[in-house]
Amino acid sequence: LSGENLLDAQPRMNNQTNETVVSFTLDRVGAKRFGKATSSNIGRQLAIVLDGKIISAPVIRDTIAGGNGQISGGFTFQSATDLALLLRSGALPAPLNIIEERTVGPDLGQDSINAGMIALLIGFLLVIIYMFFKYKVFGFITNFTLIVNLIILLGVLTLFEATLTLPGIAGIILTVGMAVDANVLIFERIKEELKNEKNNIIAFDSGYTKSRTAILDANITTLLAAIILFFMGSGPIKGFSVTLGVGIFTTLFSVYFIARLLTAIYVSKNKDKEALI
């Protein structure tokens, strides 16, 4: 008689003896075999074997026909529950094979987050250096705006009690890249306008206006992807999508309100300057 013939096993309370027992139910084939085995072995022990080990050996007190029986033996409810669980697990036909073993320490996740933070800081510093040498005053304004952008982003995440994870750090890094990309598009467009327009203020306004469509298209499509990832992805992917989605809004705010205000002040004070950018 094998575990395949076992339909169910549950801990029960015997109303007649007030003791905890394990009741079990066998299928038709198992009931027939079990009835024959118990009728010819009354008074002897019946071994219950799981993975080559005897987990219980109750004494057969009577013939058990019909496929329903119970195991008694001074069980506590917990021990009866454990035995029933072992019986049910023995009914599972799938064998367990060890394919791979790994030991994951509690510091592994923290090490990954620390490495991500280092990558974020290094990338952020490289971006700051490049923007300053490439665009001078405009680059300085961009760098200041990036810092404000990150502060707002982290503030919003803290407000919602979000946990900083490795995918979340990746979302922050992508946010920095998109913020820099938006500013570069604007500055390069202003450069193009200055070639045909001598008035710095008009060139500045035209640069912001004509680059707006490309920037909004890029951010909206990225936001749609973040929304899809949030509803279709699992926990880590959701963390990435939330960080990225919030980062898109903080980026647009910092680019079109903070950065534009600061650059407008600079342009208005240098409206007659030849090499504006």
Protein backbone atom coordinates (compact mmCIF):
# COMPACT_ATOMS: atom_id res chain seq x y z
CA LEU A 1 0.00 0.00 0.00
CA SER A 2 1.55 3.32 -1.09
CA GLY A 3 0.87 6.99 -0.53
CA GLU A 4 -0.91 7.14 -3.87
CA ASN A 5 -3.82 5.29 -2.28
CA LEU A 6 -4.23 7.89 0.48
CA LEU A 7 -6.93 10.47 -0.21
CA ASP A 8 -6.74 12.49 3.01
CA ALA A 9 -5.43 12.50 6.57
CA GLN A 10 -6.55 14.92 9.30
CA PRO A 11 -6.21 15.22 13.09
CA ARG A 12 -9.49 14.56 14.89
CA MET A 13 -10.87 14.27 18.42
CA ASN A 14 -12.37 10.85 19.22
CA ASN A 15 -15.68 11.60 20.92
CA GLN A 16 -15.81 8.20 22.65
CA THR A 17 -12.33 8.19 24.21
CA ASN A 18 -11.68 11.96 24.19
CA GLU A 19 -8.24 11.40 22.71
CA THR A 20 -6.64 12.95 19.67
CA VAL A 21 -6.37 10.62 16.69
CA VAL A 22 -5.41 10.83 13.03
CA SER A 23 -8.25 9.82 10.72
CA PHE A 24 -7.45 8.81 7.16
CA THR A 25 -9.32 7.95 3.98
CA LEU A 26 -8.13 5.57 1.26
CA ASP A 27 -9.23 5.21 -2.34
CA ARG A 28 -11.08 2.13 -3.59
CA VAL A 29 -7.97 0.13 -4.42
CA GLY A 30 -6.26 1.10 -1.18
CA ALA A 31 -9.35 0.27 0.89
CA LYS A 32 -9.47 -3.24 -0.56
CA ARG A 33 -5.76 -3.87 0.05
CA PHE A 34 -5.85 -2.32 3.53
CA GLY A 35 -8.89 -4.37 4.56
CA LYS A 36 -7.16 -7.58 3.50
CA ALA A 37 -3.91 -6.62 5.26
CA THR A 38 -5.54 -5.62 8.55
CA SER A 39 -7.80 -8.67 8.72
CA SER A 40 -4.85 -11.04 8.56
CA ASN A 41 -2.54 -9.08 10.89
CA ILE A 42 -4.67 -8.14 13.92
CA GLY A 43 -2.48 -7.51 16.97
CA ARG A 44 0.61 -6.82 14.90
CA GLN A 45 2.21 -3.45 14.14
CA LEU A 46 1.66 -1.64 10.85
CA ALA A 47 4.66 0.48 9.81
CA ILE A 48 4.11 3.83 8.09
CA VAL A 49 7.26 4.58 6.08
CA LEU A 50 8.24 7.92 4.52
CA ASP A 51 11.49 8.27 2.56
CA GLY A 52 12.75 4.97 3.95
CA LYS A 53 12.12 5.93 7.59
CA ILE A 54 9.39 4.62 9.90
CA ILE A 55 7.40 7.61 11.12
CA SER A 56 4.75 5.60 12.99
CA ALA A 57 3.99 1.96 13.80
CA PRO A 58 0.49 1.61 15.28
CA VAL A 59 -0.94 -1.76 16.35
CA ILE A 60 -3.77 -3.18 14.22
CA ARG A 61 -6.70 -3.60 16.61
CA ASP A 62 -9.39 -4.66 14.15
CA THR A 63 -10.15 -5.16 10.50
CA ILE A 64 -10.41 -1.80 8.73
CA ALA A 65 -12.74 -2.05 5.78
CA GLY A 66 -14.34 0.66 3.70
CA GLY A 67 -11.20 2.78 3.41
CA ASN A 68 -11.79 4.89 6.54
CA GLY A 69 -9.69 4.42 9.66
CA GLN A 70 -7.92 6.17 12.47
CA ILE A 71 -4.55 6.04 14.20
CA SER A 72 -4.40 6.49 17.97
CA GLY A 73 -1.50 6.50 20.39
CA GLY A 74 -1.62 9.23 22.99
CA PHE A 75 -1.16 12.04 20.49
CA THR A 76 -1.25 15.68 21.35
CA PHE A 77 -3.11 17.75 18.82
CA GLN A 78 0.20 19.08 17.47
CA SER A 79 1.77 15.63 17.09
CA ALA A 80 -1.42 14.38 15.40
CA THR A 81 -1.29 17.36 13.04
CA ASP A 82 2.36 16.62 12.24
CA LEU A 83 1.63 12.96 11.53
CA ALA A 84 -1.33 13.86 9.31
CA LEU A 85 0.89 16.29 7.43
CA LEU A 86 3.53 13.60 6.93
CA LEU A 87 0.90 11.19 5.65
CA ARG A 88 -0.42 13.76 3.18
CA SER A 89 3.07 14.65 2.01
CA GLY A 90 3.74 10.96 1.39
CA ALA A 91 0.72 10.97 -0.91
CA LEU A 92 2.43 13.42 -3.26
CA PRO A 93 3.76 11.48 -6.27
CA ALA A 94 6.47 13.99 -7.25
CA PRO A 95 9.97 13.14 -5.95
CA LEU A 96 12.23 15.90 -4.65
CA ASN A 97 15.66 16.22 -6.24
CA ILE A 98 18.31 18.69 -5.06
CA ILE A 99 19.46 20.59 -8.15
CA GLU A 100 21.38 23.39 -6.48
CA GLU A 101 22.16 24.57 -2.97
CA ARG A 102 23.02 28.14 -2.04
CA THR A 103 23.67 29.87 1.24
CA VAL A 104 22.51 33.48 1.15
CA GLY A 105 23.76 35.63 3.99
CA PRO A 106 21.69 38.47 5.44
CA ASP A 107 24.32 40.98 4.33
CA LEU A 108 24.04 40.09 0.64
CA GLY A 109 21.08 42.40 -0.02
CA GLN A 110 22.69 45.26 1.88
CA ASP A 111 25.94 44.77 -0.05
CA SER A 112 24.03 45.06 -3.33
CA ILE A 113 22.32 48.25 -2.16
CA ASN A 114 25.65 49.72 -1.06
CA ALA A 115 27.17 48.90 -4.46
CA GLY A 116 24.18 50.52 -6.16
CA MET A 117 24.55 53.66 -4.06
CA ILE A 118 28.25 53.88 -4.96
CA ALA A 119 27.37 53.51 -8.66
CA LEU A 120 24.75 56.25 -8.29
CA LEU A 121 27.20 58.65 -6.63
CA ILE A 122 29.97 57.99 -9.17
CA GLY A 123 27.59 58.45 -12.10
CA PHE A 124 26.12 61.58 -10.54
CA LEU A 125 29.56 63.13 -10.02
CA LEU A 126 30.61 62.33 -13.59
CA VAL A 127 27.43 63.95 -14.92
CA ILE A 128 28.02 67.07 -12.81
CA ILE A 129 31.61 67.41 -14.05
CA TYR A 130 30.64 66.88 -17.69
CA MET A 131 27.73 69.33 -17.61
CA PHE A 132 29.82 72.04 -15.94
CA PHE A 133 32.66 71.84 -18.47
CA LYS A 134 30.28 71.47 -21.42
CA TYR A 135 27.76 74.24 -20.66
CA LYS A 136 29.51 76.40 -18.02
CA VAL A 137 26.83 78.52 -16.25
CA PHE A 138 24.00 76.55 -17.84
CA GLY A 139 25.72 73.37 -16.68
CA PHE A 140 25.97 74.75 -13.15
CA ILE A 141 22.24 75.48 -13.21
CA THR A 142 21.58 71.95 -14.47
CA ASN A 143 23.68 70.45 -11.67
CA PHE A 144 21.81 72.47 -9.06
CA THR A 145 18.51 71.39 -10.60
CA LEU A 146 19.60 67.73 -10.52
CA ILE A 147 20.33 67.95 -6.81
CA VAL A 148 16.93 69.56 -6.17
CA ASN A 149 15.32 66.89 -8.35
CA LEU A 150 16.85 64.08 -6.28
CA ILE A 151 15.87 65.77 -3.02
CA ILE A 152 12.25 66.08 -4.17
CA LEU A 153 12.25 62.48 -5.45
CA LEU A 154 13.62 61.07 -2.19
CA GLY A 155 11.22 63.29 -0.25
CA VAL A 156 8.20 61.91 -2.11
CA LEU A 157 9.41 58.32 -1.65
CA THR A 158 9.93 58.97 2.06
CA LEU A 159 6.47 60.50 2.31
CA PHE A 160 4.96 57.27 0.98
CA GLU A 161 7.30 55.22 3.26
CA ALA A 162 8.89 53.48 0.28
CA THR A 163 11.86 51.18 0.97
CA LEU A 164 15.04 51.87 -0.97
CA THR A 165 15.88 48.70 -2.91
CA LEU A 166 18.34 47.87 -5.67
CA PRO A 167 15.68 48.25 -8.42
CA GLY A 168 14.69 51.55 -6.79
CA ILE A 169 18.28 52.78 -7.04
CA ALA A 170 18.24 51.78 -10.72
CA GLY A 171 15.11 53.91 -11.13
CA ILE A 172 16.88 56.88 -9.53
CA ILE A 173 19.88 56.45 -11.85
CA LEU A 174 17.55 56.38 -14.86
CA THR A 175 15.81 59.50 -13.53
CA VAL A 176 19.15 61.34 -13.41
CA GLY A 177 19.87 60.30 -16.99
CA MET A 178 16.48 61.48 -18.23
CA ALA A 179 16.83 64.81 -16.40
CA VAL A 180 20.23 65.43 -17.97
CA ASP A 181 18.91 64.40 -21.37
CA ALA A 182 16.07 66.93 -21.12
CA ASN A 183 18.46 69.76 -20.23
CA VAL A 184 20.89 68.81 -23.00
CA LEU A 185 18.05 68.86 -25.56
CA ILE A 186 17.02 72.33 -24.40
CA PHE A 187 20.54 73.77 -24.38
CA GLU A 188 21.41 72.36 -27.79
CA ARG A 189 18.17 73.77 -29.16
CA ILE A 190 19.03 77.18 -27.71
CA LYS A 191 22.42 76.93 -29.42
CA GLU A 192 20.71 76.29 -32.74
CA GLU A 193 18.38 79.24 -32.22
CA LEU A 194 21.29 81.55 -31.39
CA LYS A 195 22.79 80.87 -34.82
CA ASN A 196 19.81 82.52 -36.50
CA GLU A 197 18.55 84.82 -33.75
CA LYS A 198 20.64 87.64 -32.29
CA ASN A 199 18.24 88.34 -29.44
CA ASN A 200 19.23 86.05 -26.58
CA ILE A 201 15.84 86.20 -24.87
CA ILE A 202 13.96 85.17 -28.03
CA ALA A 203 16.46 82.36 -28.68
CA PHE A 204 16.05 81.19 -25.09
CA ASP A 205 12.24 81.10 -25.32
CA SER A 206 12.35 79.39 -28.72
CA GLY A 207 14.78 76.77 -27.43
CA TYR A 208 12.50 75.81 -24.57
CA THR A 209 9.37 75.89 -26.74
CA LYS A 210 10.72 73.83 -29.65
CA SER A 211 12.34 71.17 -27.46
CA ARG A 212 9.23 70.67 -25.33
CA THR A 213 7.54 68.18 -27.67
CA ALA A 214 10.52 65.82 -27.81
CA ILE A 215 11.00 65.94 -24.04
CA LEU A 216 7.33 65.35 -23.25
CA ASP A 217 7.10 62.48 -25.76
CA ALA A 218 10.11 60.74 -24.22
CA ASN A 219 8.84 61.15 -20.66
CA ILE A 220 5.24 60.18 -21.42
CA THR A 221 6.27 56.96 -23.19
CA THR A 222 8.58 56.11 -20.29
CA LEU A 223 5.76 56.82 -17.84
CA LEU A 224 3.45 54.46 -19.74
CA ALA A 225 6.11 51.75 -19.57
CA ALA A 226 6.45 52.35 -15.81
CA ILE A 227 2.67 52.02 -15.34
CA ILE A 228 2.63 48.72 -17.26
CA LEU A 229 5.55 47.41 -15.19
CA PHE A 230 3.74 48.38 -11.98
CA PHE A 231 0.58 46.43 -12.82
CA MET A 232 2.27 43.48 -14.55
CA GLY A 233 5.47 43.10 -12.52
CA SER A 234 6.34 41.58 -9.16
CA GLY A 235 7.64 43.31 -6.02
CA PRO A 236 11.12 44.43 -7.15
CA ILE A 237 9.83 45.47 -10.57
CA LYS A 238 7.07 47.50 -8.91
CA GLY A 239 9.69 49.28 -6.81
CA PHE A 240 11.58 50.23 -9.96
CA SER A 241 8.43 51.42 -11.73
CA VAL A 242 7.27 53.53 -8.77
CA THR A 243 10.66 55.23 -8.45
CA LEU A 244 10.83 55.84 -12.18
CA GLY A 245 7.26 57.16 -12.36
CA VAL A 246 7.79 59.60 -9.50
CA GLY A 247 11.14 60.57 -11.03
CA ILE A 248 9.49 61.52 -14.31
CA PHE A 249 7.19 64.01 -12.58
CA THR A 250 10.00 65.48 -10.46
CA THR A 251 12.19 65.76 -13.56
CA LEU A 252 9.57 67.66 -15.57
CA PHE A 253 8.95 69.94 -12.60
CA SER A 254 12.65 70.67 -12.07
CA VAL A 255 13.34 71.21 -15.79
CA TYR A 256 10.37 73.44 -16.64
CA PHE A 257 10.05 75.36 -13.38
CA ILE A 258 13.32 75.45 -11.46
CA ALA A 259 15.84 75.22 -14.31
CA ARG A 260 13.86 77.49 -16.60
CA LEU A 261 13.47 80.12 -13.87
CA LEU A 262 17.19 80.16 -13.10
CA THR A 263 18.25 80.19 -16.76
CA ALA A 264 15.70 82.93 -17.51
CA ILE A 265 17.23 85.10 -14.78
CA TYR A 266 20.71 84.49 -16.20
CA VAL A 267 19.63 85.23 -19.79
CA SER A 268 17.79 88.41 -18.81
CA LYS A 269 20.93 89.69 -17.10
CA ASN A 270 23.08 88.75 -20.12
CA LYS A 271 20.69 89.53 -22.97
CA ASP A 272 23.39 91.34 -24.93
CA LYS A 273 26.14 88.79 -24.32
CA GLU A 274 27.45 87.20 -27.53
CA ALA A 275 28.57 83.79 -26.20
CA LEU A 276 25.53 83.05 -24.09
CA ILE A 277 26.03 79.28 -23.99
